[in-house]
Every structure is written in structure tokens, then in C-alpha cells.
Amino acid sequence: MGLMRYLRTPLDLPLLFFVVSALIGVWASYDRAASWAKFGLIVAALAIFYAVVLLRAGPQLLEPFVWLFLIGSAALAVYSIGDCVKVQKINEAVKSGYYAAMDL
């Protein structure tokens, strides 16, 4: 419970209600993929908020957030590179470029 006493803010309960309402919004959404992406942005913003709270409490408490940020950034980079280098996407781009050149 040592870390939790540093993370207590007056905004804890409103932020909890906001996250719960966002989860309900994801459930009720017609486009769940887009909703999960927006929910991820909300969670990232909350992580930054609590990282700032920890930084004010003491810089030594910030290390877990820094490691989480680094690991998350590396995972996102690997995912993005893997998404861009799919063979099917490259083939589609080559074909569309070829057909566009033939229409000239």
C-alpha cells in the first residue's frame, strides 16, 4: 500500500467514473475497433497524469512508469513495422501503382 498513498488525488473517483463510462461506451459502440483505440488514449492519458503525480511525490517512484513507457513504445514500434511490411499490402501498392501508370 506504500505506492498508493503517493497516488491519491482528489480526482481519483471522477477519473474512475470516467473510465467506467468509457468502457460502457466501448461496449455500446458500433465500431469497437475505433472505440478500443480511443479507450487506449484515455488510459495513456491517465498513465501520464499519474506519472506526473508520482514525479511530484518523488523522482525515485517514477522508474516503473518509465520502464512501462519504454516497453510500450518498443511494442508499438514492432507492431507498426510489422503492420507496414505485410506482403499483401506491398503487392496491392505495386498493383495499384502499375494500373495507375497504365492509365496514363
PDB file of N, CA and C in Angstrom:
ATOM      1  N   MET A   1       0.817  -1.187   0.000  1.00  0.00           N
ATOM      2  CA  MET A   1       0.000   0.000   0.000  1.00  0.00           C
ATOM      3  C   MET A   1       0.863   1.253   0.000  1.00  0.00           C
ATOM      4  N   GLY A   2       2.160   1.090  -0.038  1.00  0.00           N
ATOM      5  CA  GLY A   2       3.056   2.230   0.019  1.00  0.00           C
ATOM      6  C   GLY A   2       2.949   3.137  -1.184  1.00  0.00           C
ATOM      7  N   LEU A   3       2.835   2.545  -2.368  1.00  0.00           N
ATOM      8  CA  LEU A   3       2.755   3.352  -3.590  1.00  0.00           C
ATOM      9  C   LEU A   3       1.410   4.050  -3.702  1.00  0.00           C
ATOM     10  N   MET A   4       0.352   3.433  -3.209  1.00  0.00           N
ATOM     11  CA  MET A   4      -0.987   4.006  -3.329  1.00  0.00           C
ATOM     12  C   MET A   4      -1.149   5.309  -2.543  1.00  0.00           C
ATOM     13  N   ARG A   5      -0.422   5.453  -1.441  1.00  0.00           N
ATOM     14  CA  ARG A   5      -0.578   6.707  -0.691  1.00  0.00           C
ATOM     15  C   ARG A   5       0.010   7.877  -1.468  1.00  0.00           C
ATOM     16  N   TYR A   6       0.966   7.624  -2.367  1.00  0.00           N
ATOM     17  CA  TYR A   6       1.516   8.690  -3.192  1.00  0.00           C
ATOM     18  C   TYR A   6       0.592   9.020  -4.369  1.00  0.00           C
ATOM     19  N   LEU A   7      -0.235   8.060  -4.772  1.00  0.00           N
ATOM     20  CA  LEU A   7      -1.081   8.257  -5.938  1.00  0.00           C
ATOM     21  C   LEU A   7      -2.448   8.843  -5.619  1.00  0.00           C
ATOM     22  N   ARG A   8      -2.788   9.035  -4.369  1.00  0.00           N
ATOM     23  CA  ARG A   8      -4.099   9.569  -4.014  1.00  0.00           C
ATOM     24  C   ARG A   8      -4.219  11.025  -4.454  1.00  0.00           C
ATOM     25  N   THR A   9      -5.287  11.311  -5.215  1.00  0.00           N
ATOM     26  CA  THR A   9      -5.584  12.679  -5.630  1.00  0.00           C
ATOM     27  C   THR A   9      -7.082  12.903  -5.455  1.00  0.00           C
ATOM     28  N   PRO A  10      -7.525  14.139  -5.444  1.00  0.00           N
ATOM     29  CA  PRO A  10      -8.961  14.413  -5.377  1.00  0.00           C
ATOM     30  C   PRO A  10      -9.703  13.981  -6.645  1.00  0.00           C
ATOM     31  N   LEU A  11      -8.983  13.707  -7.705  1.00  0.00           N
ATOM     32  CA  LEU A  11      -9.609  13.322  -8.971  1.00  0.00           C
ATOM     33  C   LEU A  11      -9.760  11.818  -9.150  1.00  0.00           C
ATOM     34  N   ASP A  12      -9.383  11.022  -8.168  1.00  0.00           N
ATOM     35  CA  ASP A  12      -9.432   9.566  -8.318  1.00  0.00           C
ATOM     36  C   ASP A  12     -10.838   9.049  -8.625  1.00  0.00           C
ATOM     37  N   LEU A  13     -11.799   9.454  -7.839  1.00  0.00           N
ATOM     38  CA  LEU A  13     -13.168   8.954  -8.038  1.00  0.00           C
ATOM     39  C   LEU A  13     -13.778   9.449  -9.353  1.00  0.00           C
ATOM     40  N   PRO A  14     -13.671  10.745  -9.702  1.00  0.00           N
ATOM     41  CA  PRO A  14     -14.192  11.167 -11.008  1.00  0.00           C
ATOM     42  C   PRO A  14     -13.501  10.465 -12.180  1.00  0.00           C
ATOM     43  N   LEU A  15     -12.199  10.239 -12.071  1.00  0.00           N
ATOM     44  CA  LEU A  15     -11.493   9.540 -13.151  1.00  0.00           C
ATOM     45  C   LEU A  15     -11.940   8.089 -13.247  1.00  0.00           C
ATOM     46  N   LEU A  16     -12.202   7.451 -12.113  1.00  0.00           N
ATOM     47  CA  LEU A  16     -12.717   6.086 -12.132  1.00  0.00           C
ATOM     48  C   LEU A  16     -14.076   6.031 -12.822  1.00  0.00           C
ATOM     49  N   PHE A  17     -14.960   6.975 -12.492  1.00  0.00           N
ATOM     50  CA  PHE A  17     -16.265   7.023 -13.158  1.00  0.00           C
ATOM     51  C   PHE A  17     -16.114   7.277 -14.650  1.00  0.00           C
ATOM     52  N   PHE A  18     -15.159   8.114 -15.016  1.00  0.00           N
ATOM     53  CA  PHE A  18     -14.924   8.402 -16.431  1.00  0.00           C
ATOM     54  C   PHE A  18     -14.448   7.154 -17.174  1.00  0.00           C
ATOM     55  N   VAL A  19     -13.539   6.395 -16.581  1.00  0.00           N
ATOM     56  CA  VAL A  19     -13.044   5.172 -17.215  1.00  0.00           C
ATOM     57  C   VAL A  19     -14.162   4.140 -17.332  1.00  0.00           C
ATOM     58  N   VAL A  20     -14.984   4.019 -16.307  1.00  0.00           N
ATOM     59  CA  VAL A  20     -16.110   3.081 -16.369  1.00  0.00           C
ATOM     60  C   VAL A  20     -17.076   3.503 -17.468  1.00  0.00           C
ATOM     61  N   SER A  21     -17.368   4.792 -17.575  1.00  0.00           N
ATOM     62  CA  SER A  21     -18.274   5.250 -18.639  1.00  0.00           C
ATOM     63  C   SER A  21     -17.642   5.048 -20.018  1.00  0.00           C
ATOM     64  N   ALA A  22     -16.336   5.178 -20.108  1.00  0.00           N
ATOM     65  CA  ALA A  22     -15.664   4.917 -21.391  1.00  0.00           C
ATOM     66  C   ALA A  22     -15.762   3.445 -21.761  1.00  0.00           C
ATOM     67  N   LEU A  23     -15.628   2.566 -20.780  1.00  0.00           N
ATOM     68  CA  LEU A  23     -15.795   1.128 -21.050  1.00  0.00           C
ATOM     69  C   LEU A  23     -17.223   0.807 -21.499  1.00  0.00           C
ATOM     70  N   ILE A  24     -18.198   1.454 -20.885  1.00  0.00           N
ATOM     71  CA  ILE A  24     -19.581   1.263 -21.322  1.00  0.00           C
ATOM     72  C   ILE A  24     -19.744   1.787 -22.746  1.00  0.00           C
ATOM     73  N   GLY A  25     -19.082   2.884 -23.057  1.00  0.00           N
ATOM     74  CA  GLY A  25     -19.120   3.422 -24.410  1.00  0.00           C
ATOM     75  C   GLY A  25     -18.503   2.478 -25.428  1.00  0.00           C
ATOM     76  N   VAL A  26     -17.431   1.799 -25.042  1.00  0.00           N
ATOM     77  CA  VAL A  26     -16.824   0.806 -25.941  1.00  0.00           C
ATOM     78  C   VAL A  26     -17.799  -0.336 -26.174  1.00  0.00           C
ATOM     79  N   TRP A  27     -18.457  -0.771 -25.121  1.00  0.00           N
ATOM     80  CA  TRP A  27     -19.426  -1.861 -25.240  1.00  0.00           C
ATOM     81  C   TRP A  27     -20.586  -1.463 -26.154  1.00  0.00           C
ATOM     82  N   ALA A  28     -21.048  -0.213 -26.058  1.00  0.00           N
ATOM     83  CA  ALA A  28     -22.209   0.234 -26.816  1.00  0.00           C
ATOM     84  C   ALA A  28     -21.857   0.735 -28.214  1.00  0.00           C
ATOM     85  N   SER A  29     -20.609   0.800 -28.535  1.00  0.00           N
ATOM     86  CA  SER A  29     -20.176   1.376 -29.805  1.00  0.00           C
ATOM     87  C   SER A  29     -20.490   0.461 -30.982  1.00  0.00           C
ATOM     88  N   TYR A  30     -20.750   1.069 -32.136  1.00  0.00           N
ATOM     89  CA  TYR A  30     -20.954   0.279 -33.348  1.00  0.00           C
ATOM     90  C   TYR A  30     -19.623  -0.071 -34.006  1.00  0.00           C
ATOM     91  N   ASP A  31     -18.556   0.660 -33.693  1.00  0.00           N
ATOM     92  CA  ASP A  31     -17.226   0.375 -34.230  1.00  0.00           C
ATOM     93  C   ASP A  31     -16.290   0.140 -33.049  1.00  0.00           C
ATOM     94  N   ARG A  32     -16.221  -1.103 -32.609  1.00  0.00           N
ATOM     95  CA  ARG A  32     -15.453  -1.405 -31.393  1.00  0.00           C
ATOM     96  C   ARG A  32     -13.957  -1.206 -31.580  1.00  0.00           C
ATOM     97  N   ALA A  33     -13.444  -1.445 -32.789  1.00  0.00           N
ATOM     98  CA  ALA A  33     -12.001  -1.272 -33.006  1.00  0.00           C
ATOM     99  C   ALA A  33     -11.599   0.182 -32.784  1.00  0.00           C
ATOM    100  N   ALA A  34     -12.367   1.091 -33.329  1.00  0.00           N
ATOM    101  CA  ALA A  34     -12.067   2.516 -33.129  1.00  0.00           C
ATOM    102  C   ALA A  34     -12.265   2.917 -31.671  1.00  0.00           C
ATOM    103  N   SER A  35     -13.269   2.333 -31.032  1.00  0.00           N
ATOM    104  CA  SER A  35     -13.528   2.656 -29.629  1.00  0.00           C
ATOM    105  C   SER A  35     -12.409   2.171 -28.723  1.00  0.00           C
ATOM    106  N   TRP A  36     -11.869   0.983 -28.996  1.00  0.00           N
ATOM    107  CA  TRP A  36     -10.751   0.491 -28.190  1.00  0.00           C
ATOM    108  C   TRP A  36      -9.529   1.374 -28.370  1.00  0.00           C
ATOM    109  N   ALA A  37      -9.334   1.888 -29.589  1.00  0.00           N
ATOM    110  CA  ALA A  37      -8.197   2.793 -29.820  1.00  0.00           C
ATOM    111  C   ALA A  37      -8.359   4.067 -28.997  1.00  0.00           C
ATOM    112  N   LYS A  38      -9.552   4.624 -28.982  1.00  0.00           N
ATOM    113  CA  LYS A  38      -9.792   5.832 -28.189  1.00  0.00           C
ATOM    114  C   LYS A  38      -9.689   5.530 -26.691  1.00  0.00           C
ATOM    115  N   PHE A  39     -10.145   4.363 -26.281  1.00  0.00           N
ATOM    116  CA  PHE A  39     -10.015   3.981 -24.870  1.00  0.00           C
ATOM    117  C   PHE A  39      -8.542   3.864 -24.489  1.00  0.00           C
ATOM    118  N   GLY A  40      -7.724   3.358 -25.403  1.00  0.00           N
ATOM    119  CA  GLY A  40      -6.282   3.291 -25.158  1.00  0.00           C
ATOM    120  C   GLY A  40      -5.683   4.668 -24.950  1.00  0.00           C
ATOM    121  N   LEU A  41      -6.178   5.648 -25.692  1.00  0.00           N
ATOM    122  CA  LEU A  41      -5.697   7.022 -25.497  1.00  0.00           C
ATOM    123  C   LEU A  41      -6.077   7.550 -24.113  1.00  0.00           C
ATOM    124  N   ILE A  42      -7.272   7.207 -23.668  1.00  0.00           N
ATOM    125  CA  ILE A  42      -7.699   7.632 -22.328  1.00  0.00           C
ATOM    126  C   ILE A  42      -6.806   7.005 -21.260  1.00  0.00           C
ATOM    127  N   VAL A  43      -6.519   5.715 -21.405  1.00  0.00           N
ATOM    128  CA  VAL A  43      -5.662   5.033 -20.432  1.00  0.00           C
ATOM    129  C   VAL A  43      -4.246   5.617 -20.462  1.00  0.00           C
ATOM    130  N   ALA A  44      -3.749   5.928 -21.651  1.00  0.00           N
ATOM    131  CA  ALA A  44      -2.416   6.535 -21.748  1.00  0.00           C
ATOM    132  C   ALA A  44      -2.392   7.904 -21.076  1.00  0.00           C
ATOM    133  N   ALA A  45      -3.447   8.684 -21.261  1.00  0.00           N
ATOM    134  CA  ALA A  45      -3.513   9.997 -20.614  1.00  0.00           C
ATOM    135  C   ALA A  45      -3.545   9.857 -19.095  1.00  0.00           C
ATOM    136  N   LEU A  46      -4.278   8.857 -18.606  1.00  0.00           N
ATOM    137  CA  LEU A  46      -4.303   8.625 -17.163  1.00  0.00           C
ATOM    138  C   LEU A  46      -2.933   8.190 -16.646  1.00  0.00           C
ATOM    139  N   ALA A  47      -2.232   7.385 -17.420  1.00  0.00           N
ATOM    140  CA  ALA A  47      -0.883   6.966 -17.012  1.00  0.00           C
ATOM    141  C   ALA A  47       0.050   8.169 -16.928  1.00  0.00           C
ATOM    142  N   ILE A  48      -0.074   9.080 -17.875  1.00  0.00           N
ATOM    143  CA  ILE A  48       0.760  10.297 -17.834  1.00  0.00           C
ATOM    144  C   ILE A  48       0.388  11.149 -16.623  1.00  0.00           C
ATOM    145  N   PHE A  49      -0.904  11.258 -16.349  1.00  0.00           N
ATOM    146  CA  PHE A  49      -1.356  12.026 -15.179  1.00  0.00           C
ATOM    147  C   PHE A  49      -0.751  11.469 -13.898  1.00  0.00           C
ATOM    148  N   TYR A  50      -0.852  10.146 -13.723  1.00  0.00           N
ATOM    149  CA  TYR A  50      -0.322   9.553 -12.501  1.00  0.00           C
ATOM    150  C   TYR A  50       1.209   9.549 -12.484  1.00  0.00           C
ATOM    151  N   ALA A  51       1.845   9.560 -13.627  1.00  0.00           N
ATOM    152  CA  ALA A  51       3.307   9.701 -13.657  1.00  0.00           C
ATOM    153  C   ALA A  51       3.714  11.077 -13.155  1.00  0.00           C
ATOM    154  N   VAL A  52       2.957  12.100 -13.526  1.00  0.00           N
ATOM    155  CA  VAL A  52       3.238  13.448 -13.026  1.00  0.00           C
ATOM    156  C   VAL A  52       3.001  13.515 -11.522  1.00  0.00           C
ATOM    157  N   VAL A  53       1.951  12.847 -11.048  1.00  0.00           N
ATOM    158  CA  VAL A  53       1.685  12.807  -9.602  1.00  0.00           C
ATOM    159  C   VAL A  53       2.851  12.130  -8.887  1.00  0.00           C
ATOM    160  N   LEU A  54       3.343  11.038  -9.450  1.00  0.00           N
ATOM    161  CA  LEU A  54       4.487  10.347  -8.843  1.00  0.00           C
ATOM    162  C   LEU A  54       5.749  11.198  -8.886  1.00  0.00           C
ATOM    163  N   LEU A  55       5.932  11.933  -9.965  1.00  0.00           N
ATOM    164  CA  LEU A  55       7.114  12.787 -10.079  1.00  0.00           C
ATOM    165  C   LEU A  55       7.114  13.856  -8.993  1.00  0.00           C
ATOM    166  N   ARG A  56       5.940  14.375  -8.680  1.00  0.00           N
ATOM    167  CA  ARG A  56       5.853  15.368  -7.613  1.00  0.00           C
ATOM    168  C   ARG A  56       6.098  14.731  -6.248  1.00  0.00           C
ATOM    169  N   ALA A  57       5.713  13.448  -6.087  1.00  0.00           N
ATOM    170  CA  ALA A  57       5.907  12.765  -4.803  1.00  0.00           C
ATOM    171  C   ALA A  57       7.379  12.424  -4.588  1.00  0.00           C
ATOM    172  N   GLY A  58       8.073  12.088  -5.644  1.00  0.00           N
ATOM    173  CA  GLY A  58       9.485  11.741  -5.536  1.00  0.00           C
ATOM    174  C   GLY A  58       9.961  11.100  -6.818  1.00  0.00           C
ATOM    175  N   PRO A  59      11.067  11.561  -7.367  1.00  0.00           N
ATOM    176  CA  PRO A  59      11.536  11.047  -8.659  1.00  0.00           C
ATOM    177  C   PRO A  59      11.863   9.549  -8.639  1.00  0.00           C
ATOM    178  N   GLN A  60      12.225   8.994  -7.490  1.00  0.00           N
ATOM    179  CA  GLN A  60      12.564   7.575  -7.429  1.00  0.00           C
ATOM    180  C   GLN A  60      11.341   6.699  -7.677  1.00  0.00           C
ATOM    181  N   LEU A  61      10.139   7.214  -7.477  1.00  0.00           N
ATOM    182  CA  LEU A  61       8.924   6.446  -7.701  1.00  0.00           C
ATOM    183  C   LEU A  61       8.499   6.427  -9.166  1.00  0.00           C
ATOM    184  N   LEU A  62       9.157   7.202  -9.977  1.00  0.00           N
ATOM    185  CA  LEU A  62       8.786   7.313 -11.389  1.00  0.00           C
ATOM    186  C   LEU A  62       9.352   6.180 -12.233  1.00  0.00           C
ATOM    187  N   GLU A  63      10.340   5.463 -11.741  1.00  0.00           N
ATOM    188  CA  GLU A  63      11.023   4.434 -12.535  1.00  0.00           C
ATOM    189  C   GLU A  63      10.090   3.370 -13.124  1.00  0.00           C
ATOM    190  N   PRO A  64       9.111   2.832 -12.395  1.00  0.00           N
ATOM    191  CA  PRO A  64       8.220   1.841 -13.019  1.00  0.00           C
ATOM    192  C   PRO A  64       7.451   2.403 -14.220  1.00  0.00           C
ATOM    193  N   PHE A  65       7.035   3.664 -14.144  1.00  0.00           N
ATOM    194  CA  PHE A  65       6.327   4.275 -15.264  1.00  0.00           C
ATOM    195  C   PHE A  65       7.250   4.478 -16.460  1.00  0.00           C
ATOM    196  N   VAL A  66       8.492   4.828 -16.196  1.00  0.00           N
ATOM    197  CA  VAL A  66       9.442   4.993 -17.293  1.00  0.00           C
ATOM    198  C   VAL A  66       9.668   3.665 -18.011  1.00  0.00           C
ATOM    199  N   TRP A  67       9.830   2.585 -17.249  1.00  0.00           N
ATOM    200  CA  TRP A  67      10.024   1.274 -17.867  1.00  0.00           C
ATOM    201  C   TRP A  67       8.779   0.833 -18.639  1.00  0.00           C
ATOM    202  N   LEU A  68       7.623   1.080 -18.077  1.00  0.00           N
ATOM    203  CA  LEU A  68       6.380   0.742 -18.771  1.00  0.00           C
ATOM    204  C   LEU A  68       6.245   1.525 -20.074  1.00  0.00           C
ATOM    205  N   PHE A  69       6.595   2.799 -20.031  1.00  0.00           N
ATOM    206  CA  PHE A  69       6.562   3.629 -21.236  1.00  0.00           C
ATOM    207  C   PHE A  69       7.541   3.113 -22.283  1.00  0.00           C
ATOM    208  N   LEU A  70       8.748   2.763 -21.887  1.00  0.00           N
ATOM    209  CA  LEU A  70       9.742   2.260 -22.834  1.00  0.00           C
ATOM    210  C   LEU A  70       9.319   0.930 -23.447  1.00  0.00           C
ATOM    211  N   ILE A  71       8.811   0.027 -22.637  1.00  0.00           N
ATOM    212  CA  ILE A  71       8.374  -1.272 -23.149  1.00  0.00           C
ATOM    213  C   ILE A  71       7.168  -1.097 -24.068  1.00  0.00           C
ATOM    214  N   GLY A  72       6.223  -0.253 -23.678  1.00  0.00           N
ATOM    215  CA  GLY A  72       5.058   0.006 -24.524  1.00  0.00           C
ATOM    216  C   GLY A  72       5.434   0.654 -25.841  1.00  0.00           C
ATOM    217  N   SER A  73       6.374   1.583 -25.821  1.00  0.00           N
ATOM    218  CA  SER A  73       6.830   2.227 -27.051  1.00  0.00           C
ATOM    219  C   SER A  73       7.518   1.231 -27.976  1.00  0.00           C
ATOM    220  N   ALA A  74       8.336   0.367 -27.417  1.00  0.00           N
ATOM    221  CA  ALA A  74       9.015  -0.645 -28.230  1.00  0.00           C
ATOM    222  C   ALA A  74       8.008  -1.625 -28.836  1.00  0.00           C
ATOM    223  N   ALA A  75       7.014  -2.024 -28.053  1.00  0.00           N
ATOM    224  CA  ALA A  75       5.986  -2.936 -28.579  1.00  0.00           C
ATOM    225  C   ALA A  75       5.184  -2.280 -29.686  1.00  0.00           C
ATOM    226  N   LEU A  76       4.851  -1.006 -29.521  1.00  0.00           N
ATOM    227  CA  LEU A  76       4.119  -0.288 -30.562  1.00  0.00           C
ATOM    228  C   LEU A  76       4.957  -0.136 -31.830  1.00  0.00           C
ATOM    229  N   ALA A  77       6.247   0.093 -31.684  1.00  0.00           N
ATOM    230  CA  ALA A  77       7.126   0.205 -32.847  1.00  0.00           C
ATOM    231  C   ALA A  77       7.215  -1.118 -33.599  1.00  0.00           C
ATOM    232  N   VAL A  78       7.351  -2.214 -32.877  1.00  0.00           N
ATOM    233  CA  VAL A  78       7.416  -3.528 -33.523  1.00  0.00           C
ATOM    234  C   VAL A  78       6.101  -3.836 -34.231  1.00  0.00           C
ATOM    235  N   TYR A  79       4.981  -3.531 -33.579  1.00  0.00           N
ATOM    236  CA  TYR A  79       3.673  -3.766 -34.196  1.00  0.00           C
ATOM    237  C   TYR A  79       3.509  -2.919 -35.457  1.00  0.00           C
ATOM    238  N   SER A  80       3.908  -1.649 -35.392  1.00  0.00           N
ATOM    239  CA  SER A  80       3.755  -0.758 -36.545  1.00  0.00           C
ATOM    240  C   SER A  80       4.616  -1.194 -37.716  1.00  0.00           C
ATOM    241  N   ILE A  81       5.838  -1.597 -37.436  1.00  0.00           N
ATOM    242  CA  ILE A  81       6.717  -2.077 -38.511  1.00  0.00           C
ATOM    243  C   ILE A  81       6.141  -3.355 -39.116  1.00  0.00           C
ATOM    244  N   GLY A  82       5.664  -4.249 -38.265  1.00  0.00           N
ATOM    245  CA  GLY A  82       5.066  -5.483 -38.759  1.00  0.00           C
ATOM    246  C   GLY A  82       3.816  -5.228 -39.581  1.00  0.00           C
ATOM    247  N   ASP A  83       3.055  -4.216 -39.233  1.00  0.00           N
ATOM    248  CA  ASP A  83       1.840  -3.890 -39.973  1.00  0.00           C
ATOM    249  C   ASP A  83       2.175  -3.275 -41.325  1.00  0.00           C
ATOM    250  N   CYS A  84       3.251  -2.516 -41.402  1.00  0.00           N
ATOM    251  CA  CYS A  84       3.615  -1.846 -42.657  1.00  0.00           C
ATOM    252  C   CYS A  84       4.300  -2.789 -43.638  1.00  0.00           C
ATOM    253  N   VAL A  85       4.919  -3.831 -43.161  1.00  0.00           N
ATOM    254  CA  VAL A  85       5.732  -4.683 -44.016  1.00  0.00           C
ATOM    255  C   VAL A  85       4.992  -5.976 -44.381  1.00  0.00           C
ATOM    256  N   LYS A  86       3.687  -5.936 -44.417  1.00  0.00           N
ATOM    257  CA  LYS A  86       2.935  -7.111 -44.827  1.00  0.00           C
ATOM    258  C   LYS A  86       3.023  -7.257 -46.341  1.00  0.00           C
ATOM    259  N   VAL A  87       3.246  -8.466 -46.792  1.00  0.00           N
ATOM    260  CA  VAL A  87       3.443  -8.740 -48.212  1.00  0.00           C
ATOM    261  C   VAL A  87       2.207  -8.362 -49.015  1.00  0.00           C
ATOM    262  N   GLN A  88       1.038  -8.623 -48.495  1.00  0.00           N
ATOM    263  CA  GLN A  88      -0.192  -8.321 -49.224  1.00  0.00           C
ATOM    264  C   GLN A  88      -0.330  -6.815 -49.462  1.00  0.00           C
ATOM    265  N   LYS A  89       0.010  -6.004 -48.476  1.00  0.00           N
ATOM    266  CA  LYS A  89      -0.075  -4.556 -48.651  1.00  0.00           C
ATOM    267  C   LYS A  89       0.926  -4.070 -49.702  1.00  0.00           C
ATOM    268  N   ILE A  90       2.109  -4.649 -49.708  1.00  0.00           N
ATOM    269  CA  ILE A  90       3.109  -4.263 -50.703  1.00  0.00           C
ATOM    270  C   ILE A  90       2.629  -4.647 -52.089  1.00  0.00           C
ATOM    271  N   ASN A  91       2.079  -5.858 -52.236  1.00  0.00           N
ATOM    272  CA  ASN A  91       1.568  -6.286 -53.547  1.00  0.00           C
ATOM    273  C   ASN A  91       0.439  -5.386 -54.029  1.00  0.00           C
ATOM    274  N   GLU A  92      -0.474  -5.023 -53.149  1.00  0.00           N
ATOM    275  CA  GLU A  92      -1.572  -4.134 -53.522  1.00  0.00           C
ATOM    276  C   GLU A  92      -1.053  -2.773 -53.954  1.00  0.00           C
ATOM    277  N   ALA A  93      -0.059  -2.254 -53.266  1.00  0.00           N
ATOM    278  CA  ALA A  93       0.503  -0.958 -53.629  1.00  0.00           C
ATOM    279  C   ALA A  93       1.182  -1.018 -54.987  1.00  0.00           C
ATOM    280  N   VAL A  94       1.900  -2.105 -55.237  1.00  0.00           N
ATOM    281  CA  VAL A  94       2.580  -2.252 -56.536  1.00  0.00           C
ATOM    282  C   VAL A  94       1.549  -2.362 -57.655  1.00  0.00           C
ATOM    283  N   LYS A  95       0.504  -3.163 -57.445  1.00  0.00           N
ATOM    284  CA  LYS A  95      -0.528  -3.326 -58.466  1.00  0.00           C
ATOM    285  C   LYS A  95      -1.259  -2.020 -58.737  1.00  0.00           C
ATOM    286  N   SER A  96      -1.599  -1.287 -57.682  1.00  0.00           N
ATOM    287  CA  SER A  96      -2.321  -0.028 -57.900  1.00  0.00           C
ATOM    288  C   SER A  96      -1.427   0.985 -58.598  1.00  0.00           C
ATOM    289  N   GLY A  97      -0.130   0.986 -58.273  1.00  0.00           N
ATOM    290  CA  GLY A  97       0.791   1.870 -58.984  1.00  0.00           C
ATOM    291  C   GLY A  97       0.940   1.484 -60.428  1.00  0.00           C
ATOM    292  N   TYR A  98       0.965   0.186 -60.704  1.00  0.00           N
ATOM    293  CA  TYR A  98       1.074  -0.303 -62.073  1.00  0.00           C
ATOM    294  C   TYR A  98      -0.148   0.087 -62.886  1.00  0.00           C
ATOM    295  N   TYR A  99      -1.340  -0.137 -62.306  1.00  0.00           N
ATOM    296  CA  TYR A  99      -2.564   0.200 -63.022  1.00  0.00           C
ATOM    297  C   TYR A  99      -2.705   1.711 -63.216  1.00  0.00           C
ATOM    298  N   ALA A 100      -2.253   2.487 -62.259  1.00  0.00           N
ATOM    299  CA  ALA A 100      -2.294   3.943 -62.407  1.00  0.00           C
ATOM    300  C   ALA A 100      -1.350   4.388 -63.523  1.00  0.00           C
ATOM    301  N   ALA A 101      -0.202   3.745 -63.641  1.00  0.00           N
ATOM    302  CA  ALA A 101       0.739   4.097 -64.714  1.00  0.00           C
ATOM    303  C   ALA A 101       0.208   3.686 -66.071  1.00  0.00           C
ATOM    304  N   MET A 102      -0.530   2.564 -66.135  1.00  0.00           N
ATOM    305  CA  MET A 102      -1.084   2.122 -67.412  1.00  0.00           C
ATOM    306  C   MET A 102      -2.227   3.007 -67.889  1.00  0.00           C
ATOM    307  N   ASP A 103      -2.894   3.706 -66.980  1.00  0.00           N
ATOM    308  CA  ASP A 103      -3.990   4.587 -67.356  1.00  0.00           C
ATOM    309  C   ASP A 103      -3.510   5.903 -67.939  1.00  0.00           C
ATOM    310  N   LEU A 104      -2.231   6.206 -67.813  1.00  0.00           N
ATOM    311  CA  LEU A 104      -1.726   7.482 -68.332  1.00  0.00           C
ATOM    312  C   LEU A 104      -1.731   7.533 -69.810  1.00  0.00           C
TER     313      LEU A 104
END
